[in-house]
Amino acid sequence: MHQVSFIKTLAILDPVNNFIESLIDDITFYLENIVPWAAGLILLGVAILLLIGFFVIFKKFIKTIIVLSVLGGAAYIIYDKTDLLNGILKIIF
Protein backbone atom coordinates (compact mmCIF):
# COMPACT_ATOMS: atom_id res chain seq x y z
CA MET A 1 0.00 0.00 0.00
CA HIS A 2 2.84 2.38 0.83
CA GLN A 3 4.49 1.71 -2.51
CA VAL A 4 1.31 2.66 -4.39
CA SER A 5 1.18 6.08 -2.73
CA PHE A 6 4.85 6.61 -3.60
CA ILE A 7 4.09 5.86 -7.25
CA LYS A 8 1.19 8.33 -7.20
CA THR A 9 3.49 10.96 -5.75
CA LEU A 10 5.95 10.39 -8.58
CA ALA A 11 3.13 10.67 -11.10
CA ILE A 12 2.11 14.02 -9.63
CA LEU A 13 5.68 15.32 -9.78
CA ASP A 14 6.15 14.49 -13.48
CA PRO A 15 4.39 17.64 -14.82
CA VAL A 16 6.33 19.80 -12.37
CA ASN A 17 9.59 18.18 -13.46
CA ASN A 18 8.73 18.65 -17.14
CA PHE A 19 7.88 22.33 -16.56
CA ILE A 20 11.14 22.97 -14.72
CA GLU A 21 13.15 21.14 -17.41
CA SER A 22 11.57 23.22 -20.17
CA LEU A 23 12.20 26.40 -18.19
CA ILE A 24 15.87 25.51 -17.69
CA ASP A 25 16.22 24.66 -21.40
CA ASP A 26 14.70 28.02 -22.38
CA ILE A 27 16.99 29.96 -20.02
CA THR A 28 20.07 28.04 -21.22
CA PHE A 29 19.15 28.65 -24.87
CA TYR A 30 18.68 32.37 -24.19
CA LEU A 31 21.99 32.69 -22.31
CA GLU A 32 23.89 30.82 -25.04
CA ASN A 33 22.58 33.12 -27.78
CA ILE A 34 23.43 36.50 -26.29
CA VAL A 35 26.77 38.27 -25.94
CA PRO A 36 28.97 36.66 -23.26
CA TRP A 37 29.37 39.85 -21.22
CA ALA A 38 25.59 40.32 -21.14
CA ALA A 39 25.11 36.72 -19.99
CA GLY A 40 27.71 37.36 -17.29
CA LEU A 41 25.85 40.46 -16.11
CA ILE A 42 22.58 38.54 -16.00
CA LEU A 43 24.16 35.72 -14.00
CA LEU A 44 25.79 38.26 -11.66
CA GLY A 45 22.41 39.91 -11.08
CA VAL A 46 20.78 36.56 -10.37
CA ALA A 47 23.59 35.66 -7.95
CA ILE A 48 23.18 38.96 -6.09
CA LEU A 49 19.42 38.45 -5.80
CA LEU A 50 19.93 34.89 -4.55
CA LEU A 51 22.42 36.09 -1.91
CA ILE A 52 20.05 38.82 -0.75
CA GLY A 53 17.22 36.29 -0.53
CA PHE A 54 19.42 33.87 1.40
CA PHE A 55 20.36 36.53 3.95
CA VAL A 56 16.74 37.66 4.35
CA ILE A 57 15.62 34.09 5.03
CA PHE A 58 18.59 33.57 7.38
CA LYS A 59 17.67 36.76 9.27
CA LYS A 60 14.07 35.61 9.68
CA PHE A 61 15.26 32.19 10.84
CA ILE A 62 17.50 33.78 13.49
CA LYS A 63 14.63 35.99 14.69
CA THR A 64 12.37 32.94 14.93
CA ILE A 65 14.98 31.05 16.98
CA ILE A 66 15.36 34.03 19.34
CA VAL A 67 11.60 34.41 19.83
CA LEU A 68 11.14 30.68 20.45
CA SER A 69 14.04 30.72 22.93
CA VAL A 70 12.53 33.60 24.89
CA LEU A 71 9.11 31.94 24.92
CA GLY A 72 10.65 28.64 25.99
CA GLY A 73 12.59 30.35 28.77
CA ALA A 74 9.47 32.13 29.98
CA ALA A 75 7.50 28.88 29.93
CA TYR A 76 10.29 27.15 31.89
CA ILE A 77 10.32 29.89 34.53
CA ILE A 78 6.53 29.78 34.85
CA TYR A 79 6.61 25.99 35.13
CA ASP A 80 9.58 25.69 37.48
CA LYS A 81 9.49 28.78 39.70
CA THR A 82 5.78 29.48 40.18
CA ASP A 83 2.64 27.58 41.10
CA LEU A 84 0.65 29.29 38.38
CA LEU A 85 0.60 26.29 36.07
CA ASN A 86 -0.37 23.88 38.86
CA GLY A 87 -3.31 26.09 39.77
CA ILE A 88 -4.49 26.23 36.17
CA LEU A 89 -4.11 22.47 35.74
CA LYS A 90 -6.11 21.82 38.93
CA ILE A 91 -8.95 23.95 37.59
CA ILE A 92 -8.95 22.17 34.20
CA PHE A 93 -8.64 18.65 35.54
PDB file of N, CA and C in Angstrom:
ATOM      1  N   MET A   1       0.825  -1.200   0.000  1.00  0.00           N
ATOM      2  CA  MET A   1       0.000   0.000   0.000  1.00  0.00           C
ATOM      3  C   MET A   1       0.864   1.257   0.000  1.00  0.00           C
ATOM      4  N   HIS A   2       1.956   1.214   0.769  1.00  0.00           N
ATOM      5  CA  HIS A   2       2.839   2.376   0.832  1.00  0.00           C
ATOM      6  C   HIS A   2       3.510   2.624  -0.513  1.00  0.00           C
ATOM      7  N   GLN A   3       3.823   1.568  -1.225  1.00  0.00           N
ATOM      8  CA  GLN A   3       4.485   1.707  -2.515  1.00  0.00           C
ATOM      9  C   GLN A   3       3.550   2.350  -3.538  1.00  0.00           C
ATOM     10  N   VAL A   4       2.262   2.079  -3.452  1.00  0.00           N
ATOM     11  CA  VAL A   4       1.307   2.661  -4.388  1.00  0.00           C
ATOM     12  C   VAL A   4       1.242   4.173  -4.202  1.00  0.00           C
ATOM     13  N   SER A   5       1.228   4.644  -2.960  1.00  0.00           N
ATOM     14  CA  SER A   5       1.177   6.085  -2.729  1.00  0.00           C
ATOM     15  C   SER A   5       2.458   6.759  -3.211  1.00  0.00           C
ATOM     16  N   PHE A   6       3.594   6.064  -3.111  1.00  0.00           N
ATOM     17  CA  PHE A   6       4.854   6.608  -3.605  1.00  0.00           C
ATOM     18  C   PHE A   6       4.803   6.755  -5.123  1.00  0.00           C
ATOM     19  N   ILE A   7       4.211   5.789  -5.801  1.00  0.00           N
ATOM     20  CA  ILE A   7       4.091   5.855  -7.254  1.00  0.00           C
ATOM     21  C   ILE A   7       3.156   6.994  -7.649  1.00  0.00           C
ATOM     22  N   LYS A   8       2.081   7.213  -6.902  1.00  0.00           N
ATOM     23  CA  LYS A   8       1.186   8.332  -7.197  1.00  0.00           C
ATOM     24  C   LYS A   8       1.904   9.657  -7.008  1.00  0.00           C
ATOM     25  N   THR A   9       2.737   9.743  -5.972  1.00  0.00           N
ATOM     26  CA  THR A   9       3.495  10.962  -5.749  1.00  0.00           C
ATOM     27  C   THR A   9       4.423  11.233  -6.921  1.00  0.00           C
ATOM     28  N   LEU A  10       5.089  10.215  -7.420  1.00  0.00           N
ATOM     29  CA  LEU A  10       5.953  10.392  -8.578  1.00  0.00           C
ATOM     30  C   LEU A  10       5.155  10.822  -9.797  1.00  0.00           C
ATOM     31  N   ALA A  11       3.962  10.297  -9.960  1.00  0.00           N
ATOM     32  CA  ALA A  11       3.127  10.673 -11.104  1.00  0.00           C
ATOM     33  C   ALA A  11       2.705  12.131 -11.009  1.00  0.00           C
ATOM     34  N   ILE A  12       2.489  12.619  -9.805  1.00  0.00           N
ATOM     35  CA  ILE A  12       2.107  14.022  -9.631  1.00  0.00           C
ATOM     36  C   ILE A  12       3.298  14.931  -9.924  1.00  0.00           C
ATOM     37  N   LEU A  13       4.501  14.488  -9.594  1.00  0.00           N
ATOM     38  CA  LEU A  13       5.682  15.322  -9.778  1.00  0.00           C
ATOM     39  C   LEU A  13       6.176  15.375 -11.225  1.00  0.00           C
ATOM     40  N   ASP A  14       5.706  14.484 -12.075  1.00  0.00           N
ATOM     41  CA  ASP A  14       6.155  14.486 -13.478  1.00  0.00           C
ATOM     42  C   ASP A  14       5.847  15.796 -14.206  1.00  0.00           C
ATOM     43  N   PRO A  15       4.627  16.354 -14.130  1.00  0.00           N
ATOM     44  CA  PRO A  15       4.388  17.638 -14.816  1.00  0.00           C
ATOM     45  C   PRO A  15       5.249  18.774 -14.273  1.00  0.00           C
ATOM     46  N   VAL A  16       5.477  18.766 -12.960  1.00  0.00           N
ATOM     47  CA  VAL A  16       6.330  19.802 -12.372  1.00  0.00           C
ATOM     48  C   VAL A  16       7.755  19.662 -12.901  1.00  0.00           C
ATOM     49  N   ASN A  17       8.247  18.429 -12.950  1.00  0.00           N
ATOM     50  CA  ASN A  17       9.591  18.182 -13.460  1.00  0.00           C
ATOM     51  C   ASN A  17       9.705  18.589 -14.925  1.00  0.00           C
ATOM     52  N   ASN A  18       8.709  18.279 -15.719  1.00  0.00           N
ATOM     53  CA  ASN A  18       8.729  18.653 -17.138  1.00  0.00           C
ATOM     54  C   ASN A  18       8.723  20.173 -17.307  1.00  0.00           C
ATOM     55  N   PHE A  19       7.938  20.865 -16.481  1.00  0.00           N
ATOM     56  CA  PHE A  19       7.879  22.329 -16.558  1.00  0.00           C
ATOM     57  C   PHE A  19       9.238  22.935 -16.207  1.00  0.00           C
ATOM     58  N   ILE A  20       9.853  22.429 -15.141  1.00  0.00           N
ATOM     59  CA  ILE A  20      11.144  22.971 -14.719  1.00  0.00           C
ATOM     60  C   ILE A  20      12.215  22.669 -15.766  1.00  0.00           C
ATOM     61  N   GLU A  21      12.182  21.475 -16.348  1.00  0.00           N
ATOM     62  CA  GLU A  21      13.145  21.137 -17.411  1.00  0.00           C
ATOM     63  C   GLU A  21      13.003  22.062 -18.608  1.00  0.00           C
ATOM     64  N   SER A  22      11.768  22.327 -19.027  1.00  0.00           N
ATOM     65  CA  SER A  22      11.569  23.218 -20.175  1.00  0.00           C
ATOM     66  C   SER A  22      12.000  24.643 -19.840  1.00  0.00           C
ATOM     67  N   LEU A  23      11.778  25.071 -18.607  1.00  0.00           N
ATOM     68  CA  LEU A  23      12.198  26.397 -18.186  1.00  0.00           C
ATOM     69  C   LEU A  23      13.726  26.523 -18.192  1.00  0.00           C
ATOM     70  N   ILE A  24      14.407  25.507 -17.691  1.00  0.00           N
ATOM     71  CA  ILE A  24      15.871  25.506 -17.688  1.00  0.00           C
ATOM     72  C   ILE A  24      16.407  25.475 -19.117  1.00  0.00           C
ATOM     73  N   ASP A  25      15.782  24.695 -19.989  1.00  0.00           N
ATOM     74  CA  ASP A  25      16.215  24.656 -21.395  1.00  0.00           C
ATOM     75  C   ASP A  25      16.050  26.017 -22.059  1.00  0.00           C
ATOM     76  N   ASP A  26      14.922  26.695 -21.793  1.00  0.00           N
ATOM     77  CA  ASP A  26      14.700  28.023 -22.382  1.00  0.00           C
ATOM     78  C   ASP A  26      15.730  29.033 -21.883  1.00  0.00           C
ATOM     79  N   ILE A  27      16.013  29.017 -20.584  1.00  0.00           N
ATOM     80  CA  ILE A  27      16.988  29.960 -20.022  1.00  0.00           C
ATOM     81  C   ILE A  27      18.378  29.679 -20.580  1.00  0.00           C
ATOM     82  N   THR A  28      18.750  28.403 -20.670  1.00  0.00           N
ATOM     83  CA  THR A  28      20.069  28.039 -21.216  1.00  0.00           C
ATOM     84  C   THR A  28      20.191  28.467 -22.673  1.00  0.00           C
ATOM     85  N   PHE A  29      19.132  28.243 -23.456  1.00  0.00           N
ATOM     86  CA  PHE A  29      19.150  28.651 -24.866  1.00  0.00           C
ATOM     87  C   PHE A  29      19.308  30.162 -24.983  1.00  0.00           C
ATOM     88  N   TYR A  30      18.594  30.901 -24.146  1.00  0.00           N
ATOM     89  CA  TYR A  30      18.677  32.366 -24.186  1.00  0.00           C
ATOM     90  C   TYR A  30      20.080  32.839 -23.812  1.00  0.00           C
ATOM     91  N   LEU A  31      20.659  32.259 -22.745  1.00  0.00           N
ATOM     92  CA  LEU A  31      21.989  32.693 -22.310  1.00  0.00           C
ATOM     93  C   LEU A  31      23.080  32.312 -23.311  1.00  0.00           C
ATOM     94  N   GLU A  32      22.890  31.222 -24.043  1.00  0.00           N
ATOM     95  CA  GLU A  32      23.887  30.818 -25.041  1.00  0.00           C
ATOM     96  C   GLU A  32      23.853  31.705 -26.282  1.00  0.00           C
ATOM     97  N   ASN A  33      22.725  32.358 -26.535  1.00  0.00           N
ATOM     98  CA  ASN A  33      22.577  33.115 -27.780  1.00  0.00           C
ATOM     99  C   ASN A  33      22.709  34.618 -27.596  1.00  0.00           C
ATOM    100  N   ILE A  34      23.164  35.073 -26.437  1.00  0.00           N
ATOM    101  CA  ILE A  34      23.427  36.498 -26.294  1.00  0.00           C
ATOM    102  C   ILE A  34      24.934  36.691 -26.106  1.00  0.00           C
ATOM    103  N   VAL A  35      25.342  37.938 -26.074  1.00  0.00           N
ATOM    104  CA  VAL A  35      26.767  38.266 -25.941  1.00  0.00           C
ATOM    105  C   VAL A  35      27.265  37.768 -24.589  1.00  0.00           C
ATOM    106  N   PRO A  36      28.480  37.235 -24.523  1.00  0.00           N
ATOM    107  CA  PRO A  36      28.973  36.664 -23.263  1.00  0.00           C
ATOM    108  C   PRO A  36      28.993  37.641 -22.090  1.00  0.00           C
ATOM    109  N   TRP A  37      29.343  38.911 -22.343  1.00  0.00           N
ATOM    110  CA  TRP A  37      29.371  39.854 -21.221  1.00  0.00           C
ATOM    111  C   TRP A  37      27.961  40.125 -20.700  1.00  0.00           C
ATOM    112  N   ALA A  38      26.968  40.107 -21.579  1.00  0.00           N
ATOM    113  CA  ALA A  38      25.586  40.316 -21.137  1.00  0.00           C
ATOM    114  C   ALA A  38      25.099  39.119 -20.328  1.00  0.00           C
ATOM    115  N   ALA A  39      25.469  37.923 -20.753  1.00  0.00           N
ATOM    116  CA  ALA A  39      25.105  36.725 -19.990  1.00  0.00           C
ATOM    117  C   ALA A  39      25.764  36.757 -18.617  1.00  0.00           C
ATOM    118  N   GLY A  40      27.023  37.229 -18.571  1.00  0.00           N
ATOM    119  CA  GLY A  40      27.713  37.360 -17.288  1.00  0.00           C
ATOM    120  C   GLY A  40      27.023  38.352 -16.370  1.00  0.00           C
ATOM    121  N   LEU A  41      26.568  39.473 -16.922  1.00  0.00           N
ATOM    122  CA  LEU A  41      25.845  40.458 -16.113  1.00  0.00           C
ATOM    123  C   LEU A  41      24.523  39.895 -15.590  1.00  0.00           C
ATOM    124  N   ILE A  42      23.837  39.147 -16.430  1.00  0.00           N
ATOM    125  CA  ILE A  42      22.577  38.538 -16.001  1.00  0.00           C
ATOM    126  C   ILE A  42      22.825  37.541 -14.881  1.00  0.00           C
ATOM    127  N   LEU A  43      23.842  36.699 -15.042  1.00  0.00           N
ATOM    128  CA  LEU A  43      24.162  35.718 -14.004  1.00  0.00           C
ATOM    129  C   LEU A  43      24.628  36.391 -12.716  1.00  0.00           C
ATOM    130  N   LEU A  44      25.372  37.506 -12.847  1.00  0.00           N
ATOM    131  CA  LEU A  44      25.786  38.258 -11.660  1.00  0.00           C
ATOM    132  C   LEU A  44      24.574  38.839 -10.931  1.00  0.00           C
ATOM    133  N   GLY A  45      23.636  39.373 -11.688  1.00  0.00           N
ATOM    134  CA  GLY A  45      22.414  39.908 -11.083  1.00  0.00           C
ATOM    135  C   GLY A  45      21.607  38.829 -10.371  1.00  0.00           C
ATOM    136  N   VAL A  46      21.503  37.677 -10.996  1.00  0.00           N
ATOM    137  CA  VAL A  46      20.783  36.562 -10.366  1.00  0.00           C
ATOM    138  C   VAL A  46      21.491  36.114  -9.100  1.00  0.00           C
ATOM    139  N   ALA A  47      22.829  36.061  -9.135  1.00  0.00           N
ATOM    140  CA  ALA A  47      23.594  35.660  -7.951  1.00  0.00           C
ATOM    141  C   ALA A  47      23.401  36.655  -6.816  1.00  0.00           C
ATOM    142  N   ILE A  48      23.390  37.942  -7.132  1.00  0.00           N
ATOM    143  CA  ILE A  48      23.177  38.962  -6.095  1.00  0.00           C
ATOM    144  C   ILE A  48      21.792  38.820  -5.487  1.00  0.00           C
ATOM    145  N   LEU A  49      20.779  38.623  -6.321  1.00  0.00           N
ATOM    146  CA  LEU A  49      19.416  38.450  -5.803  1.00  0.00           C
ATOM    147  C   LEU A  49      19.297  37.196  -4.941  1.00  0.00           C
ATOM    148  N   LEU A  50      19.961  36.110  -5.348  1.00  0.00           N
ATOM    149  CA  LEU A  50      19.934  34.888  -4.547  1.00  0.00           C
ATOM    150  C   LEU A  50      20.619  35.091  -3.194  1.00  0.00           C
ATOM    151  N   LEU A  51      21.742  35.812  -3.176  1.00  0.00           N
ATOM    152  CA  LEU A  51      22.420  36.090  -1.911  1.00  0.00           C
ATOM    153  C   LEU A  51      21.562  36.954  -0.992  1.00  0.00           C
ATOM    154  N   ILE A  52      20.926  37.967  -1.560  1.00  0.00           N
ATOM    155  CA  ILE A  52      20.050  38.823  -0.754  1.00  0.00           C
ATOM    156  C   ILE A  52      18.896  37.991  -0.183  1.00  0.00           C
ATOM    157  N   GLY A  53      18.301  37.148  -1.011  1.00  0.00           N
ATOM    158  CA  GLY A  53      17.217  36.289  -0.534  1.00  0.00           C
ATOM    159  C   GLY A  53      17.677  35.332   0.548  1.00  0.00           C
ATOM    160  N   PHE A  54      18.886  34.768   0.384  1.00  0.00           N
ATOM    161  CA  PHE A  54      19.418  33.871   1.399  1.00  0.00           C
ATOM    162  C   PHE A  54      19.584  34.591   2.726  1.00  0.00           C
ATOM    163  N   PHE A  55      20.146  35.808   2.699  1.00  0.00           N
ATOM    164  CA  PHE A  55      20.361  36.531   3.948  1.00  0.00           C
ATOM    165  C   PHE A  55      19.049  36.980   4.585  1.00  0.00           C
ATOM    166  N   VAL A  56      18.051  37.301   3.783  1.00  0.00           N
ATOM    167  CA  VAL A  56      16.744  37.664   4.345  1.00  0.00           C
ATOM    168  C   VAL A  56      16.122  36.461   5.044  1.00  0.00           C
ATOM    169  N   ILE A  57      16.167  35.301   4.410  1.00  0.00           N
ATOM    170  CA  ILE A  57      15.617  34.090   5.029  1.00  0.00           C
ATOM    171  C   ILE A  57      16.414  33.725   6.277  1.00  0.00           C
ATOM    172  N   PHE A  58      17.736  33.861   6.224  1.00  0.00           N
ATOM    173  CA  PHE A  58      18.588  33.569   7.380  1.00  0.00           C
ATOM    174  C   PHE A  58      18.258  34.500   8.543  1.00  0.00           C
ATOM    175  N   LYS A  59      18.025  35.775   8.243  1.00  0.00           N
ATOM    176  CA  LYS A  59      17.667  36.757   9.274  1.00  0.00           C
ATOM    177  C   LYS A  59      16.333  36.401   9.926  1.00  0.00           C
ATOM    178  N   LYS A  60      15.366  36.007   9.124  1.00  0.00           N
ATOM    179  CA  LYS A  60      14.072  35.612   9.681  1.00  0.00           C
ATOM    180  C   LYS A  60      14.203  34.343  10.522  1.00  0.00           C
ATOM    181  N   PHE A  61      15.042  33.421  10.089  1.00  0.00           N
ATOM    182  CA  PHE A  61      15.264  32.193  10.844  1.00  0.00           C
ATOM    183  C   PHE A  61      15.881  32.496  12.204  1.00  0.00           C
ATOM    184  N   ILE A  62      16.867  33.404  12.232  1.00  0.00           N
ATOM    185  CA  ILE A  62      17.500  33.780  13.495  1.00  0.00           C
ATOM    186  C   ILE A  62      16.486  34.453  14.416  1.00  0.00           C
ATOM    187  N   LYS A  63      15.651  35.332  13.870  1.00  0.00           N
ATOM    188  CA  LYS A  63      14.626  35.988  14.689  1.00  0.00           C
ATOM    189  C   LYS A  63      13.654  34.960  15.258  1.00  0.00           C
ATOM    190  N   THR A  64      13.284  33.981  14.461  1.00  0.00           N
ATOM    191  CA  THR A  64      12.374  32.937  14.933  1.00  0.00           C
ATOM    192  C   THR A  64      13.005  32.141  16.062  1.00  0.00           C
ATOM    193  N   ILE A  65      14.275  31.791  15.930  1.00  0.00           N
ATOM    194  CA  ILE A  65      14.981  31.053  16.984  1.00  0.00           C
ATOM    195  C   ILE A  65      15.029  31.877  18.264  1.00  0.00           C
ATOM    196  N   ILE A  66      15.301  33.176  18.152  1.00  0.00           N
ATOM    197  CA  ILE A  66      15.364  34.034  19.341  1.00  0.00           C
ATOM    198  C   ILE A  66      14.004  34.114  20.022  1.00  0.00           C
ATOM    199  N   VAL A  67      12.945  34.320  19.246  1.00  0.00           N
ATOM    200  CA  VAL A  67      11.602  34.412  19.829  1.00  0.00           C
ATOM    201  C   VAL A  67      11.213  33.100  20.502  1.00  0.00           C
ATOM    202  N   LEU A  68      11.474  31.974  19.841  1.00  0.00           N
ATOM    203  CA  LEU A  68      11.142  30.684  20.451  1.00  0.00           C
ATOM    204  C   LEU A  68      11.974  30.419  21.705  1.00  0.00           C
ATOM    205  N   SER A  69      13.212  30.885  21.734  1.00  0.00           N
ATOM    206  CA  SER A  69      14.042  30.721  22.925  1.00  0.00           C
ATOM    207  C   SER A  69      13.498  31.530  24.093  1.00  0.00           C
ATOM    208  N   VAL A  70      13.098  32.760  23.825  1.00  0.00           N
ATOM    209  CA  VAL A  70      12.534  33.599  24.887  1.00  0.00           C
ATOM    210  C   VAL A  70      11.223  33.006  25.401  1.00  0.00           C
ATOM    211  N   LEU A  71      10.376  32.549  24.490  1.00  0.00           N
ATOM    212  CA  LEU A  71       9.114  31.939  24.917  1.00  0.00           C
ATOM    213  C   LEU A  71       9.357  30.655  25.699  1.00  0.00           C
ATOM    214  N   GLY A  72      10.321  29.858  25.267  1.00  0.00           N
ATOM    215  CA  GLY A  72      10.654  28.637  25.993  1.00  0.00           C
ATOM    216  C   GLY A  72      11.204  28.933  27.379  1.00  0.00           C
ATOM    217  N   GLY A  73      12.060  29.958  27.469  1.00  0.00           N
ATOM    218  CA  GLY A  73      12.590  30.354  28.772  1.00  0.00           C
ATOM    219  C   GLY A  73      11.500  30.855  29.699  1.00  0.00           C
ATOM    220  N   ALA A  74      10.576  31.648  29.165  1.00  0.00           N
ATOM    221  CA  ALA A  74       9.465  32.134  29.979  1.00  0.00           C
ATOM    222  C   ALA A  74       8.580  30.977  30.431  1.00  0.00           C
ATOM    223  N   ALA A  75       8.315  30.038  29.556  1.00  0.00           N
ATOM    224  CA  ALA A  75       7.498  28.875  29.925  1.00  0.00           C
ATOM    225  C   ALA A  75       8.204  28.040  30.992  1.00  0.00           C
ATOM    226  N   TYR A  76       9.528  27.900  30.887  1.00  0.00           N
ATOM    227  CA  TYR A  76      10.286  27.149  31.889  1.00  0.00           C
ATOM    228  C   TYR A  76      10.225  27.843  33.243  1.00  0.00           C
ATOM    229  N   ILE A  77      10.382  29.146  33.257  1.00  0.00           N
ATOM    230  CA  ILE A  77      10.321  29.887  34.526  1.00  0.00           C
ATOM    231  C   ILE A  77       8.937  29.771  35.145  1.00  0.00           C
ATOM    232  N   ILE A  78       7.897  29.907  34.330  1.00  0.00           N
ATOM    233  CA  ILE A  78       6.529  29.782  34.851  1.00  0.00           C
ATOM    234  C   ILE A  78       6.298  28.371  35.390  1.00  0.00           C
ATOM    235  N   TYR A  79       6.810  27.379  34.696  1.00  0.00           N
ATOM    236  CA  TYR A  79       6.614  25.993  35.133  1.00  0.00           C
ATOM    237  C   TYR A  79       7.433  25.661  36.373  1.00  0.00           C
ATOM    238  N   ASP A  80       8.666  26.112  36.416  1.00  0.00           N
ATOM    239  CA  ASP A  80       9.580  25.693  37.478  1.00  0.00           C
ATOM    240  C   ASP A  80       9.497  26.568  38.723  1.00  0.00           C
ATOM    241  N   LYS A  81       9.358  27.859  38.575  1.00  0.00           N
ATOM    242  CA  LYS A  81       9.489  28.777  39.701  1.00  0.00           C
ATOM    243  C   LYS A  81       8.164  29.222  40.315  1.00  0.00           C
ATOM    244  N   THR A  82       7.063  29.017  39.644  1.00  0.00           N
ATOM    245  CA  THR A  82       5.780  29.484  40.183  1.00  0.00           C
ATOM    246  C   THR A  82       4.792  28.329  40.267  1.00  0.00           C
ATOM    247  N   ASP A  83       3.724  28.564  40.992  1.00  0.00           N
ATOM    248  CA  ASP A  83       2.644  27.579  41.099  1.00  0.00           C
ATOM    249  C   ASP A  83       1.477  27.922  40.177  1.00  0.00           C
ATOM    250  N   LEU A  84       1.709  28.836  39.282  1.00  0.00           N
ATOM    251  CA  LEU A  84       0.654  29.292  38.379  1.00  0.00           C
ATOM    252  C   LEU A  84       0.114  28.151  37.528  1.00  0.00           C
ATOM    253  N   LEU A  85       1.006  27.374  36.948  1.00  0.00           N
ATOM    254  CA  LEU A  85       0.602  26.287  36.067  1.00  0.00           C
ATOM    255  C   LEU A  85      -0.132  25.192  36.833  1.00  0.00           C
ATOM    256  N   ASN A  86       0.312  24.895  38.063  1.00  0.00           N
ATOM    257  CA  ASN A  86      -0.366  23.880  38.864  1.00  0.00           C
ATOM    258  C   ASN A  86      -1.784  24.311  39.195  1.00  0.00           C
ATOM    259  N   GLY A  87      -1.975  25.591  39.493  1.00  0.00           N
ATOM    260  CA  GLY A  87      -3.312  26.088  39.771  1.00  0.00           C
ATOM    261  C   GLY A  87      -4.224  25.988  38.563  1.00  0.00           C
ATOM    262  N   ILE A  88      -3.687  26.309  37.398  1.00  0.00           N
ATOM    263  CA  ILE A  88      -4.488  26.229  36.174  1.00  0.00           C
ATOM    264  C   ILE A  88      -4.819  24.784  35.855  1.00  0.00           C
ATOM    265  N   LEU A  89      -3.863  23.889  36.025  1.00  0.00           N
ATOM    266  CA  LEU A  89      -4.110  22.471  35.737  1.00  0.00           C
ATOM    267  C   LEU A  89      -5.108  21.873  36.718  1.00  0.00           C
ATOM    268  N   LYS A  90      -5.123  22.314  37.966  1.00  0.00           N
ATOM    269  CA  LYS A  90      -6.108  21.823  38.934  1.00  0.00           C
ATOM    270  C   LYS A  90      -7.501  22.266  38.551  1.00  0.00           C
ATOM    271  N   ILE A  91      -7.633  23.465  38.018  1.00  0.00           N
ATOM    272  CA  ILE A  91      -8.955  23.952  37.589  1.00  0.00           C
ATOM    273  C   ILE A  91      -9.442  23.152  36.384  1.00  0.00           C
ATOM    274  N   ILE A  92      -8.550  22.880  35.433  1.00  0.00           N
ATOM    275  CA  ILE A  92      -8.950  22.173  34.204  1.00  0.00           C
ATOM    276  C   ILE A  92      -9.270  20.708  34.509  1.00  0.00           C
ATOM    277  N   PHE A  93      -8.440  20.057  35.289  1.00  0.00           N
ATOM    278  CA  PHE A  93      -8.638  18.647  35.544  1.00  0.00           C
ATOM    279  C   PHE A  93      -9.307  18.483  36.869  1.00  0.00           C
TER     280      PHE A  93
END
